[in-house]
Full PDB file with SEQRES, HELIX, SHEET, SSBOND, CRYST1, ORIGX, SCALE, CONECT and MASTER records, all heavy atoms in Angstrom:
SEQRES   1 A   42  TRP ALA VAL HIS HIS SER THR ASP ASP VAL HIS ASN PRO          
SEQRES   2 A   42  LYS GLY PRO SER SER GLY THR ASP ARG VAL LYS LYS GLY          
SEQRES   3 A   42  GLY SER TYR MET CYS HIS LYS SER TYR CYS TYR ARG TYR          
SEQRES   4 A   42  ARG CYS ALA                                                  
CRYST1    1.000    1.000    1.000  90.00  90.00  90.00 P 1           1          
ORIGX1      1.000000  0.000000  0.000000        0.00000                         
ORIGX2      0.000000  1.000000  0.000000        0.00000                         
ORIGX3      0.000000  0.000000  1.000000        0.00000                         
SCALE1      1.000000  0.000000  0.000000        0.00000                         
SCALE2      0.000000  1.000000  0.000000        0.00000                         
SCALE3      0.000000  0.000000  1.000000        0.00000                         
ATOM      1  N   TRP A   1       0.834  -1.195  -0.001  1.00  0.00           N  
ATOM      2  CA  TRP A   1      -0.012   0.022   0.025  1.00  0.00           C  
ATOM      3  C   TRP A   1       0.859   1.263  -0.006  1.00  0.00           C  
ATOM      4  O   TRP A   1       1.802   1.394   0.760  1.00  0.00           O  
ATOM      5  CB  TRP A   1      -0.872  -0.002   1.221  1.00  0.00           C  
ATOM      6  CG  TRP A   1      -1.651   1.226   1.521  1.00  0.00           C  
ATOM      7  CD1 TRP A   1      -1.321   2.215   2.422  1.00  0.00           C  
ATOM      8  CD2 TRP A   1      -2.888   1.623   0.966  1.00  0.00           C  
ATOM      9  NE1 TRP A   1      -2.310   3.202   2.442  1.00  0.00           N  
ATOM     10  CE2 TRP A   1      -3.295   2.848   1.555  1.00  0.00           C  
ATOM     11  CE3 TRP A   1      -3.758   1.030  -0.005  1.00  0.00           C  
ATOM     12  CZ2 TRP A   1      -4.481   3.486   1.225  1.00  0.00           C  
ATOM     13  CZ3 TRP A   1      -4.951   1.706  -0.309  1.00  0.00           C  
ATOM     14  CH2 TRP A   1      -5.307   2.895   0.290  1.00  0.00           C  
ATOM     15  N   ALA A   2       0.504   2.232  -0.840  1.00  0.00           N  
ATOM     16  CA  ALA A   2       1.069   3.570  -0.834  1.00  0.00           C  
ATOM     17  C   ALA A   2       0.016   4.479  -1.349  1.00  0.00           C  
ATOM     18  O   ALA A   2      -0.871   4.051  -2.105  1.00  0.00           O  
ATOM     19  CB  ALA A   2       2.327   3.649  -1.682  1.00  0.00           C  
ATOM     20  N   VAL A   3       0.093   5.795  -1.016  1.00  0.00           N  
ATOM     21  CA  VAL A   3      -0.978   6.710  -1.433  1.00  0.00           C  
ATOM     22  C   VAL A   3      -0.462   7.789  -2.404  1.00  0.00           C  
ATOM     23  O   VAL A   3      -1.239   8.601  -2.879  1.00  0.00           O  
ATOM     24  CB  VAL A   3      -1.692   7.408  -0.216  1.00  0.00           C  
ATOM     25  CG1 VAL A   3      -2.436   6.350   0.578  1.00  0.00           C  
ATOM     26  CG2 VAL A   3      -0.700   8.127   0.662  1.00  0.00           C  
ATOM     27  N   HIS A   4       0.860   7.775  -2.701  1.00  0.00           N  
ATOM     28  CA  HIS A   4       1.404   8.730  -3.656  1.00  0.00           C  
ATOM     29  C   HIS A   4       1.843   7.966  -4.908  1.00  0.00           C  
ATOM     30  O   HIS A   4       2.576   6.995  -4.817  1.00  0.00           O  
ATOM     31  CB  HIS A   4       2.537   9.485  -3.005  1.00  0.00           C  
ATOM     32  CG  HIS A   4       2.125  10.230  -1.800  1.00  0.00           C  
ATOM     33  ND1 HIS A   4       1.317  11.345  -1.853  1.00  0.00           N  
ATOM     34  CD2 HIS A   4       2.392  10.031  -0.494  1.00  0.00           C  
ATOM     35  CE1 HIS A   4       1.102  11.821  -0.654  1.00  0.00           C  
ATOM     36  NE2 HIS A   4       1.739  11.031   0.201  1.00  0.00           N  
ATOM     37  N   HIS A   5       1.393   8.465  -6.063  1.00  0.00           N  
ATOM     38  CA  HIS A   5       1.676   7.820  -7.302  1.00  0.00           C  
ATOM     39  C   HIS A   5       2.212   8.789  -8.342  1.00  0.00           C  
ATOM     40  O   HIS A   5       1.735   9.947  -8.442  1.00  0.00           O  
ATOM     41  CB  HIS A   5       0.412   7.157  -7.866  1.00  0.00           C  
ATOM     42  CG  HIS A   5      -0.444   6.444  -6.849  1.00  0.00           C  
ATOM     43  ND1 HIS A   5      -0.038   5.246  -6.282  1.00  0.00           N  
ATOM     44  CD2 HIS A   5      -1.610   6.761  -6.272  1.00  0.00           C  
ATOM     45  CE1 HIS A   5      -0.960   4.868  -5.396  1.00  0.00           C  
ATOM     46  NE2 HIS A   5      -1.913   5.753  -5.401  1.00  0.00           N  
ATOM     47  N   SER A   6       3.162   8.312  -9.094  1.00  0.00           N  
ATOM     48  CA  SER A   6       3.713   9.168 -10.223  1.00  0.00           C  
ATOM     49  C   SER A   6       2.721   9.246 -11.344  1.00  0.00           C  
ATOM     50  O   SER A   6       1.956   8.291 -11.596  1.00  0.00           O  
ATOM     51  CB  SER A   6       5.030   8.559 -10.710  1.00  0.00           C  
ATOM     52  OG  SER A   6       5.408   9.128 -11.929  1.00  0.00           O  
ATOM     53  N   THR A   7       2.744  10.352 -12.088  1.00  0.00           N  
ATOM     54  CA  THR A   7       1.855  10.486 -13.270  1.00  0.00           C  
ATOM     55  C   THR A   7       2.567   9.946 -14.535  1.00  0.00           C  
ATOM     56  O   THR A   7       1.955   9.969 -15.610  1.00  0.00           O  
ATOM     57  CB  THR A   7       1.483  11.932 -13.497  1.00  0.00           C  
ATOM     58  OG1 THR A   7       2.660  12.726 -13.565  1.00  0.00           O  
ATOM     59  CG2 THR A   7       0.596  12.454 -12.388  1.00  0.00           C  
ATOM     60  N   ASP A   8       3.776   9.459 -14.376  1.00  0.00           N  
ATOM     61  CA  ASP A   8       4.508   8.895 -15.535  1.00  0.00           C  
ATOM     62  C   ASP A   8       3.771   7.681 -16.119  1.00  0.00           C  
ATOM     63  O   ASP A   8       3.176   6.898 -15.387  1.00  0.00           O  
ATOM     64  CB  ASP A   8       5.939   8.508 -15.140  1.00  0.00           C  
ATOM     65  CG  ASP A   8       6.753   9.692 -14.726  1.00  0.00           C  
ATOM     66  OD1 ASP A   8       6.358  10.827 -15.023  1.00  0.00           O  
ATOM     67  OD2 ASP A   8       7.832   9.479 -14.075  1.00  0.00           O  
ATOM     68  N   ASP A   9       3.902   7.496 -17.456  1.00  0.00           N  
ATOM     69  CA  ASP A   9       3.437   6.281 -18.071  1.00  0.00           C  
ATOM     70  C   ASP A   9       4.245   5.109 -17.520  1.00  0.00           C  
ATOM     71  O   ASP A   9       5.483   5.209 -17.363  1.00  0.00           O  
ATOM     72  CB  ASP A   9       3.686   6.297 -19.568  1.00  0.00           C  
ATOM     73  CG  ASP A   9       2.495   6.790 -20.319  1.00  0.00           C  
ATOM     74  OD1 ASP A   9       1.782   7.690 -19.815  1.00  0.00           O  
ATOM     75  OD2 ASP A   9       2.242   6.300 -21.473  1.00  0.00           O  
ATOM     76  N   VAL A  10       3.571   4.040 -17.080  1.00  0.00           N  
ATOM     77  CA  VAL A  10       4.321   2.884 -16.583  1.00  0.00           C  
ATOM     78  C   VAL A  10       3.811   1.626 -17.225  1.00  0.00           C  
ATOM     79  O   VAL A  10       2.684   1.541 -17.771  1.00  0.00           O  
ATOM     80  CB  VAL A  10       4.154   2.758 -15.029  1.00  0.00           C  
ATOM     81  CG1 VAL A  10       4.950   3.839 -14.299  1.00  0.00           C  
ATOM     82  CG2 VAL A  10       2.701   2.742 -14.627  1.00  0.00           C  
ATOM     83  N   HIS A  11       4.696   0.557 -17.208  1.00  0.00           N  
ATOM     84  CA  HIS A  11       4.353  -0.707 -17.786  1.00  0.00           C  
ATOM     85  C   HIS A  11       4.352  -1.766 -16.716  1.00  0.00           C  
ATOM     86  O   HIS A  11       5.319  -1.953 -15.975  1.00  0.00           O  
ATOM     87  CB  HIS A  11       5.395  -1.088 -18.883  1.00  0.00           C  
ATOM     88  CG  HIS A  11       5.304  -0.261 -20.114  1.00  0.00           C  
ATOM     89  ND1 HIS A  11       4.789  -0.712 -21.309  1.00  0.00           N  
ATOM     90  CD2 HIS A  11       5.671   1.033 -20.339  1.00  0.00           C  
ATOM     91  CE1 HIS A  11       4.813   0.241 -22.194  1.00  0.00           C  
ATOM     92  NE2 HIS A  11       5.398   1.316 -21.652  1.00  0.00           N  
ATOM     93  N   ASN A  12       3.187  -2.437 -16.557  1.00  0.00           N  
ATOM     94  CA  ASN A  12       3.062  -3.555 -15.628  1.00  0.00           C  
ATOM     95  C   ASN A  12       3.599  -3.225 -14.248  1.00  0.00           C  
ATOM     96  O   ASN A  12       4.466  -3.978 -13.687  1.00  0.00           O  
ATOM     97  CB  ASN A  12       3.777  -4.792 -16.179  1.00  0.00           C  
ATOM     98  CG  ASN A  12       3.281  -5.142 -17.585  1.00  0.00           C  
ATOM     99  OD1 ASN A  12       2.107  -5.324 -17.814  1.00  0.00           O  
ATOM    100  ND2 ASN A  12       4.215  -5.111 -18.535  1.00  0.00           N  
ATOM    101  N   PRO A  13       3.111  -2.149 -13.595  1.00  0.00           N  
ATOM    102  CA  PRO A  13       3.624  -1.800 -12.288  1.00  0.00           C  
ATOM    103  C   PRO A  13       3.313  -2.849 -11.236  1.00  0.00           C  
ATOM    104  O   PRO A  13       2.211  -3.469 -11.297  1.00  0.00           O  
ATOM    105  CB  PRO A  13       2.965  -0.465 -11.995  1.00  0.00           C  
ATOM    106  CG  PRO A  13       1.696  -0.494 -12.777  1.00  0.00           C  
ATOM    107  CD  PRO A  13       2.057  -1.262 -14.076  1.00  0.00           C  
ATOM    108  N   LYS A  14       4.172  -2.962 -10.264  1.00  0.00           N  
ATOM    109  CA  LYS A  14       3.940  -3.931  -9.183  1.00  0.00           C  
ATOM    110  C   LYS A  14       3.841  -3.275  -7.810  1.00  0.00           C  
ATOM    111  O   LYS A  14       3.849  -3.968  -6.818  1.00  0.00           O  
ATOM    112  CB  LYS A  14       5.059  -4.991  -9.176  1.00  0.00           C  
ATOM    113  CG  LYS A  14       5.040  -5.905 -10.394  1.00  0.00           C  
ATOM    114  CD  LYS A  14       6.124  -6.944 -10.301  1.00  0.00           C  
ATOM    115  CE  LYS A  14       5.874  -8.122 -11.241  1.00  0.00           C  
ATOM    116  NZ  LYS A  14       5.691  -7.726 -12.643  1.00  0.00           N  
ATOM    117  N   GLY A  15       3.744  -1.951  -7.799  1.00  0.00           N  
ATOM    118  CA  GLY A  15       3.579  -1.283  -6.527  1.00  0.00           C  
ATOM    119  C   GLY A  15       4.889  -1.056  -5.842  1.00  0.00           C  
ATOM    120  O   GLY A  15       5.980  -1.393  -6.353  1.00  0.00           O  
ATOM    121  N   PRO A  16       4.878  -0.504  -4.621  1.00  0.00           N  
ATOM    122  CA  PRO A  16       6.115  -0.252  -3.849  1.00  0.00           C  
ATOM    123  C   PRO A  16       6.866  -1.578  -3.545  1.00  0.00           C  
ATOM    124  O   PRO A  16       6.280  -2.627  -3.527  1.00  0.00           O  
ATOM    125  CB  PRO A  16       5.615   0.383  -2.555  1.00  0.00           C  
ATOM    126  CG  PRO A  16       4.209   0.783  -2.819  1.00  0.00           C  
ATOM    127  CD  PRO A  16       3.657  -0.119  -3.858  1.00  0.00           C  
ATOM    128  N   SER A  17       8.186  -1.406  -3.281  1.00  0.00           N  
ATOM    129  CA  SER A  17       8.948  -2.603  -2.999  1.00  0.00           C  
ATOM    130  C   SER A  17       8.815  -3.101  -1.560  1.00  0.00           C  
ATOM    131  O   SER A  17       9.233  -4.245  -1.231  1.00  0.00           O  
ATOM    132  CB  SER A  17      10.451  -2.275  -3.307  1.00  0.00           C  
ATOM    133  OG  SER A  17      10.870  -1.145  -2.520  1.00  0.00           O  
ATOM    134  N   SER A  18       8.235  -2.264  -0.698  1.00  0.00           N  
ATOM    135  CA  SER A  18       8.032  -2.690   0.731  1.00  0.00           C  
ATOM    136  C   SER A  18       6.887  -1.874   1.280  1.00  0.00           C  
ATOM    137  O   SER A  18       6.416  -0.932   0.693  1.00  0.00           O  
ATOM    138  CB  SER A  18       9.285  -2.483   1.527  1.00  0.00           C  
ATOM    139  OG  SER A  18       9.649  -1.120   1.587  1.00  0.00           O  
ATOM    140  N   GLY A  19       6.451  -2.284   2.472  1.00  0.00           N  
ATOM    141  CA  GLY A  19       5.354  -1.620   3.119  1.00  0.00           C  
ATOM    142  C   GLY A  19       4.897  -2.333   4.333  1.00  0.00           C  
ATOM    143  O   GLY A  19       5.516  -3.369   4.751  1.00  0.00           O  
ATOM    144  N   THR A  20       3.799  -1.923   4.916  1.00  0.00           N  
ATOM    145  CA  THR A  20       3.221  -2.616   6.100  1.00  0.00           C  
ATOM    146  C   THR A  20       1.870  -3.213   5.771  1.00  0.00           C  
ATOM    147  O   THR A  20       1.499  -4.226   6.377  1.00  0.00           O  
ATOM    148  CB  THR A  20       3.066  -1.637   7.297  1.00  0.00           C  
ATOM    149  OG1 THR A  20       2.272  -0.525   6.869  1.00  0.00           O  
ATOM    150  CG2 THR A  20       4.404  -1.140   7.743  1.00  0.00           C  
ATOM    151  N   ASP A  21       1.145  -2.618   4.831  1.00  0.00           N  
ATOM    152  CA  ASP A  21      -0.174  -3.132   4.462  1.00  0.00           C  
ATOM    153  C   ASP A  21      -0.205  -3.499   2.965  1.00  0.00           C  
ATOM    154  O   ASP A  21       0.555  -3.023   2.177  1.00  0.00           O  
ATOM    155  CB  ASP A  21      -1.242  -2.026   4.666  1.00  0.00           C  
ATOM    156  CG  ASP A  21      -1.460  -1.711   6.138  1.00  0.00           C  
ATOM    157  OD1 ASP A  21      -0.767  -2.253   6.983  1.00  0.00           O  
ATOM    158  OD2 ASP A  21      -2.405  -0.921   6.425  1.00  0.00           O  
ATOM    159  N   ARG A  22      -1.153  -4.405   2.627  1.00  0.00           N  
ATOM    160  CA  ARG A  22      -1.360  -4.801   1.239  1.00  0.00           C  
ATOM    161  C   ARG A  22      -2.673  -4.163   0.738  1.00  0.00           C  
ATOM    162  O   ARG A  22      -3.601  -3.957   1.514  1.00  0.00           O  
ATOM    163  CB  ARG A  22      -1.442  -6.332   1.113  1.00  0.00           C  
ATOM    164  CG  ARG A  22      -0.161  -7.048   1.518  1.00  0.00           C  
ATOM    165  CD  ARG A  22       0.923  -6.915   0.422  1.00  0.00           C  
ATOM    166  NE  ARG A  22       2.115  -7.719   0.763  1.00  0.00           N  
ATOM    167  CZ  ARG A  22       3.137  -7.868   0.007  1.00  0.00           C  
ATOM    168  NH1 ARG A  22       3.203  -7.286  -1.168  1.00  0.00           N  
ATOM    169  NH2 ARG A  22       4.155  -8.643   0.373  1.00  0.00           N  
ATOM    170  N   VAL A  23      -2.676  -3.941  -0.561  1.00  0.00           N  
ATOM    171  CA  VAL A  23      -3.861  -3.312  -1.190  1.00  0.00           C  
ATOM    172  C   VAL A  23      -4.991  -4.325  -1.357  1.00  0.00           C  
ATOM    173  O   VAL A  23      -4.754  -5.440  -1.822  1.00  0.00           O  
ATOM    174  CB  VAL A  23      -3.475  -2.735  -2.565  1.00  0.00           C  
ATOM    175  CG1 VAL A  23      -4.733  -2.150  -3.258  1.00  0.00           C  
ATOM    176  CG2 VAL A  23      -2.399  -1.646  -2.419  1.00  0.00           C  
ATOM    177  N   LYS A  24      -6.208  -3.911  -0.991  1.00  0.00           N  
ATOM    178  CA  LYS A  24      -7.408  -4.680  -1.370  1.00  0.00           C  
ATOM    179  C   LYS A  24      -8.312  -3.795  -2.203  1.00  0.00           C  
ATOM    180  O   LYS A  24      -8.275  -2.557  -2.092  1.00  0.00           O  
ATOM    181  CB  LYS A  24      -8.128  -5.176  -0.095  1.00  0.00           C  
ATOM    182  CG  LYS A  24      -8.640  -4.096   0.815  1.00  0.00           C  
ATOM    183  CD  LYS A  24      -9.355  -4.685   2.002  1.00  0.00           C  
ATOM    184  CE  LYS A  24      -9.928  -3.563   2.914  1.00  0.00           C  
ATOM    185  NZ  LYS A  24     -10.653  -4.067   4.094  1.00  0.00           N  
ATOM    186  N   LYS A  25      -9.041  -4.426  -3.111  1.00  0.00           N  
ATOM    187  CA  LYS A  25      -9.876  -3.683  -4.066  1.00  0.00           C  
ATOM    188  C   LYS A  25     -11.308  -4.230  -4.135  1.00  0.00           C  
ATOM    189  O   LYS A  25     -11.532  -5.362  -3.809  1.00  0.00           O  
ATOM    190  CB  LYS A  25      -9.220  -3.759  -5.466  1.00  0.00           C  
ATOM    191  CG  LYS A  25      -7.823  -3.192  -5.596  1.00  0.00           C  
ATOM    192  CD  LYS A  25      -7.876  -1.667  -5.800  1.00  0.00           C  
ATOM    193  CE  LYS A  25      -8.239  -1.252  -7.208  1.00  0.00           C  
ATOM    194  NZ  LYS A  25      -8.154   0.223  -7.384  1.00  0.00           N  
ATOM    195  N   GLY A  26     -12.190  -3.378  -4.615  1.00  0.00           N  
ATOM    196  CA  GLY A  26     -13.493  -3.860  -5.024  1.00  0.00           C  
ATOM    197  C   GLY A  26     -14.715  -3.623  -4.051  1.00  0.00           C  
ATOM    198  O   GLY A  26     -15.816  -3.714  -4.438  1.00  0.00           O  
ATOM    199  N   GLY A  27     -14.390  -3.367  -2.788  1.00  0.00           N  
ATOM    200  CA  GLY A  27     -15.446  -3.210  -1.821  1.00  0.00           C  
ATOM    201  C   GLY A  27     -16.201  -4.497  -1.525  1.00  0.00           C  
ATOM    202  O   GLY A  27     -15.771  -5.570  -2.016  1.00  0.00           O  
ATOM    203  N   SER A  28     -17.275  -4.395  -0.785  1.00  0.00           N  
ATOM    204  CA  SER A  28     -17.943  -5.614  -0.364  1.00  0.00           C  
ATOM    205  C   SER A  28     -19.466  -5.378  -0.166  1.00  0.00           C  
ATOM    206  O   SER A  28     -19.956  -4.286  -0.415  1.00  0.00           O  
ATOM    207  CB  SER A  28     -17.379  -6.133   0.960  1.00  0.00           C  
ATOM    208  OG  SER A  28     -17.921  -5.354   2.056  1.00  0.00           O  
ATOM    209  N   TYR A  29     -20.141  -6.390   0.313  1.00  0.00           N  
ATOM    210  CA  TYR A  29     -21.600  -6.288   0.579  1.00  0.00           C  
ATOM    211  C   TYR A  29     -21.850  -5.292   1.677  1.00  0.00           C  
ATOM    212  O   TYR A  29     -23.014  -4.913   1.868  1.00  0.00           O  
ATOM    213  CB  TYR A  29     -22.150  -7.658   0.995  1.00  0.00           C  
ATOM    214  CG  TYR A  29     -21.632  -8.211   2.306  1.00  0.00           C  
ATOM    215  CD1 TYR A  29     -22.205  -7.842   3.511  1.00  0.00           C  
ATOM    216  CD2 TYR A  29     -20.521  -9.099   2.345  1.00  0.00           C  
ATOM    217  CE1 TYR A  29     -21.726  -8.356   4.713  1.00  0.00           C  
ATOM    218  CE2 TYR A  29     -20.039  -9.545   3.551  1.00  0.00           C  
ATOM    219  CZ  TYR A  29     -20.633  -9.183   4.718  1.00  0.00           C  
ATOM    220  OH  TYR A  29     -20.157  -9.693   5.910  1.00  0.00           O  
ATOM    221  N   MET A  30     -20.832  -4.807   2.392  1.00  0.00           N  
ATOM    222  CA  MET A  30     -21.032  -3.803   3.427  1.00  0.00           C  
ATOM    223  C   MET A  30     -20.853  -2.380   2.940  1.00  0.00           C  
ATOM    224  O   MET A  30     -21.039  -1.421   3.675  1.00  0.00           O  
ATOM    225  CB  MET A  30     -20.045  -4.051   4.560  1.00  0.00           C  
ATOM    226  CG  MET A  30     -20.384  -5.285   5.386  1.00  0.00           C  
ATOM    227  SD  MET A  30     -19.067  -5.601   6.613  1.00  0.00           S  
ATOM    228  CE  MET A  30     -19.082  -4.051   7.553  1.00  0.00           C  
ATOM    229  N   CYS A  31     -20.488  -2.167   1.688  1.00  0.00           N  
ATOM    230  CA  CYS A  31     -20.177  -0.862   1.199  1.00  0.00           C  
ATOM    231  C   CYS A  31     -21.450  -0.071   0.835  1.00  0.00           C  
ATOM    232  O   CYS A  31     -22.334  -0.569   0.145  1.00  0.00           O  
ATOM    233  CB  CYS A  31     -19.264  -0.896  -0.019  1.00  0.00           C  
ATOM    234  SG  CYS A  31     -17.542  -1.267   0.397  1.00  0.00           S  
ATOM    235  N   HIS A  32     -21.488   1.208   1.247  1.00  0.00           N  
ATOM    236  CA  HIS A  32     -22.613   2.118   0.934  1.00  0.00           C  
ATOM    237  C   HIS A  32     -21.968   3.503   0.627  1.00  0.00           C  
ATOM    238  O   HIS A  32     -20.944   3.856   1.208  1.00  0.00           O  
ATOM    239  CB  HIS A  32     -23.563   2.199   2.142  1.00  0.00           C  
ATOM    240  CG  HIS A  32     -24.771   2.959   1.819  1.00  0.00           C  
ATOM    241  ND1 HIS A  32     -24.816   4.357   1.925  1.00  0.00           N  
ATOM    242  CD2 HIS A  32     -26.026   2.591   1.434  1.00  0.00           C  
ATOM    243  CE1 HIS A  32     -26.056   4.785   1.594  1.00  0.00           C  
ATOM    244  NE2 HIS A  32     -26.820   3.729   1.302  1.00  0.00           N  
ATOM    245  N   LYS A  33     -22.595   4.224  -0.261  1.00  0.00           N  
ATOM    246  CA  LYS A  33     -22.040   5.485  -0.656  1.00  0.00           C  
ATOM    247  C   LYS A  33     -21.847   6.443   0.531  1.00  0.00           C  
ATOM    248  O   LYS A  33     -20.921   7.260   0.578  1.00  0.00           O  
ATOM    249  CB  LYS A  33     -22.898   6.172  -1.685  1.00  0.00           C  
ATOM    250  CG  LYS A  33     -22.304   7.371  -2.338  1.00  0.00           C  
ATOM    251  CD  LYS A  33     -23.118   7.902  -3.538  1.00  0.00           C  
ATOM    252  CE  LYS A  33     -22.373   9.038  -4.207  1.00  0.00           C  
ATOM    253  NZ  LYS A  33     -23.119   9.531  -5.390  1.00  0.00           N  
ATOM    254  N   SER A  34     -22.686   6.327   1.535  1.00  0.00           N  
ATOM    255  CA  SER A  34     -22.617   7.223   2.688  1.00  0.00           C  
ATOM    256  C   SER A  34     -21.432   6.933   3.612  1.00  0.00           C  
ATOM    257  O   SER A  34     -20.968   7.785   4.378  1.00  0.00           O  
ATOM    258  CB  SER A  34     -23.894   7.074   3.558  1.00  0.00           C  
ATOM    259  OG  SER A  34     -23.924   5.789   4.167  1.00  0.00           O  
ATOM    260  N   TYR A  35     -20.850   5.714   3.513  1.00  0.00           N  
ATOM    261  CA  TYR A  35     -19.769   5.387   4.409  1.00  0.00           C  
ATOM    262  C   TYR A  35     -18.531   4.853   3.703  1.00  0.00           C  
ATOM    263  O   TYR A  35     -17.396   5.347   3.890  1.00  0.00           O  
ATOM    264  CB  TYR A  35     -20.215   4.360   5.459  1.00  0.00           C  
ATOM    265  CG  TYR A  35     -19.051   3.851   6.267  1.00  0.00           C  
ATOM    266  CD1 TYR A  35     -18.381   4.686   7.122  1.00  0.00           C  
ATOM    267  CD2 TYR A  35     -18.560   2.546   6.064  1.00  0.00           C  
ATOM    268  CE1 TYR A  35     -17.275   4.231   7.838  1.00  0.00           C  
ATOM    269  CE2 TYR A  35     -17.401   2.103   6.745  1.00  0.00           C  
ATOM    270  CZ  TYR A  35     -16.801   2.951   7.607  1.00  0.00           C  
ATOM    271  OH  TYR A  35     -15.701   2.526   8.305  1.00  0.00           O  
ATOM    272  N   CYS A  36     -18.709   3.859   2.869  1.00  0.00           N  
ATOM    273  CA  CYS A  36     -17.556   3.211   2.278  1.00  0.00           C  
ATOM    274  C   CYS A  36     -17.833   3.107   0.738  1.00  0.00           C  
ATOM    275  O   CYS A  36     -18.151   2.066   0.215  1.00  0.00           O  
ATOM    276  CB  CYS A  36     -17.346   1.831   2.836  1.00  0.00           C  
ATOM    277  SG  CYS A  36     -16.035   0.872   2.100  1.00  0.00           S  
ATOM    278  N   TYR A  37     -17.661   4.279   0.072  1.00  0.00           N  
ATOM    279  CA  TYR A  37     -17.971   4.296  -1.388  1.00  0.00           C  
ATOM    280  C   TYR A  37     -16.799   3.764  -2.153  1.00  0.00           C  
ATOM    281  O   TYR A  37     -16.160   4.422  -2.953  1.00  0.00           O  
ATOM    282  CB  TYR A  37     -18.230   5.795  -1.741  1.00  0.00           C  
ATOM    283  CG  TYR A  37     -18.785   6.061  -3.132  1.00  0.00           C  
ATOM    284  CD1 TYR A  37     -19.531   5.123  -3.822  1.00  0.00           C  
ATOM    285  CD2 TYR A  37     -18.538   7.262  -3.768  1.00  0.00           C  
ATOM    286  CE1 TYR A  37     -19.993   5.374  -5.095  1.00  0.00           C  
ATOM    287  CE2 TYR A  37     -19.019   7.526  -5.027  1.00  0.00           C  
ATOM    288  CZ  TYR A  37     -19.770   6.586  -5.665  1.00  0.00           C  
ATOM    289  OH  TYR A  37     -20.240   6.836  -6.933  1.00  0.00           O  
ATOM    290  N   ARG A  38     -16.555   2.465  -1.905  1.00  0.00           N  
ATOM    291  CA  ARG A  38     -15.339   1.831  -2.492  1.00  0.00           C  
ATOM    292  C   ARG A  38     -15.652   0.664  -3.416  1.00  0.00           C  
ATOM    293  O   ARG A  38     -14.849  -0.160  -3.688  1.00  0.00           O  
ATOM    294  CB  ARG A  38     -14.412   1.402  -1.371  1.00  0.00           C  
ATOM    295  CG  ARG A  38     -13.819   2.565  -0.545  1.00  0.00           C  
ATOM    296  CD  ARG A  38     -12.760   2.063   0.373  1.00  0.00           C  
ATOM    297  NE  ARG A  38     -12.101   3.140   1.113  1.00  0.00           N  
ATOM    298  CZ  ARG A  38     -12.468   3.562   2.330  1.00  0.00           C  
ATOM    299  NH1 ARG A  38     -13.490   2.959   2.958  1.00  0.00           N  
ATOM    300  NH2 ARG A  38     -11.838   4.553   2.942  1.00  0.00           N  
ATOM    301  N   TYR A  39     -16.894   0.688  -3.966  1.00  0.00           N  
ATOM    302  CA  TYR A  39     -17.215  -0.297  -5.002  1.00  0.00           C  
ATOM    303  C   TYR A  39     -17.012   0.305  -6.389  1.00  0.00           C  
ATOM    304  O   TYR A  39     -17.613  -0.116  -7.354  1.00  0.00           O  
ATOM    305  CB  TYR A  39     -18.621  -0.845  -4.834  1.00  0.00           C  
ATOM    306  CG  TYR A  39     -19.680   0.193  -4.524  1.00  0.00           C  
ATOM    307  CD1 TYR A  39     -20.376   0.872  -5.500  1.00  0.00           C  
ATOM    308  CD2 TYR A  39     -19.988   0.551  -3.192  1.00  0.00           C  
ATOM    309  CE1 TYR A  39     -21.315   1.809  -5.245  1.00  0.00           C  
ATOM    310  CE2 TYR A  39     -20.951   1.491  -2.870  1.00  0.00           C  
ATOM    311  CZ  TYR A  39     -21.602   2.147  -3.928  1.00  0.00           C  
ATOM    312  OH  TYR A  39     -22.499   3.136  -3.632  1.00  0.00           O  
ATOM    313  N   ARG A  40     -16.164   1.343  -6.463  1.00  0.00           N  
ATOM    314  CA  ARG A  40     -15.733   1.961  -7.750  1.00  0.00           C  
ATOM    315  C   ARG A  40     -14.405   1.327  -8.168  1.00  0.00           C  
ATOM    316  O   ARG A  40     -13.617   0.900  -7.359  1.00  0.00           O  
ATOM    317  CB  ARG A  40     -15.566   3.442  -7.559  1.00  0.00           C  
ATOM    318  CG  ARG A  40     -16.807   4.208  -7.225  1.00  0.00           C  
ATOM    319  CD  ARG A  40     -16.515   5.638  -6.758  1.00  0.00           C  
ATOM    320  NE  ARG A  40     -15.836   5.618  -5.449  1.00  0.00           N  
ATOM    321  CZ  ARG A  40     -14.553   6.015  -5.299  1.00  0.00           C  
ATOM    322  NH1 ARG A  40     -13.829   6.444  -6.305  1.00  0.00           N  
ATOM    323  NH2 ARG A  40     -14.028   5.970  -4.079  1.00  0.00           N  
ATOM    324  N   CYS A  41     -14.181   1.303  -9.492  1.00  0.00           N  
ATOM    325  CA  CYS A  41     -12.954   0.664 -10.016  1.00  0.00           C  
ATOM    326  C   CYS A  41     -11.700   1.333  -9.430  1.00  0.00           C  
ATOM    327  O   CYS A  41     -10.718   0.634  -9.113  1.00  0.00           O  
ATOM    328  CB  CYS A  41     -12.941   0.728 -11.539  1.00  0.00           C  
ATOM    329  SG  CYS A  41     -14.331  -0.052 -12.318  1.00  0.00           S  
ATOM    330  N   ALA A  42     -11.718   2.642  -9.270  1.00  0.00           N  
ATOM    331  CA  ALA A  42     -10.496   3.375  -8.815  1.00  0.00           C  
ATOM    332  C   ALA A  42     -10.346   3.306  -7.294  1.00  0.00           C  
ATOM    333  O   ALA A  42      -9.298   3.639  -6.784  1.00  0.00           O  
ATOM    334  CB  ALA A  42     -10.594   4.819  -9.270  1.00  0.00           C  
TER     335      ALA A  42                                                      
MASTER        0    0    0    0    0    0    0    6  334    1    0    4          
END                                                                             
């Protein structure tokens, strides 16, 4: 996990080389726009 990203064109990025947390995507059955609007692709 990281929250700062370069605007450069990249090929097949694999994210930072180290960290403490891993990225999860897609949201869940618990997501609602009022609280966890994370069922968006981005």
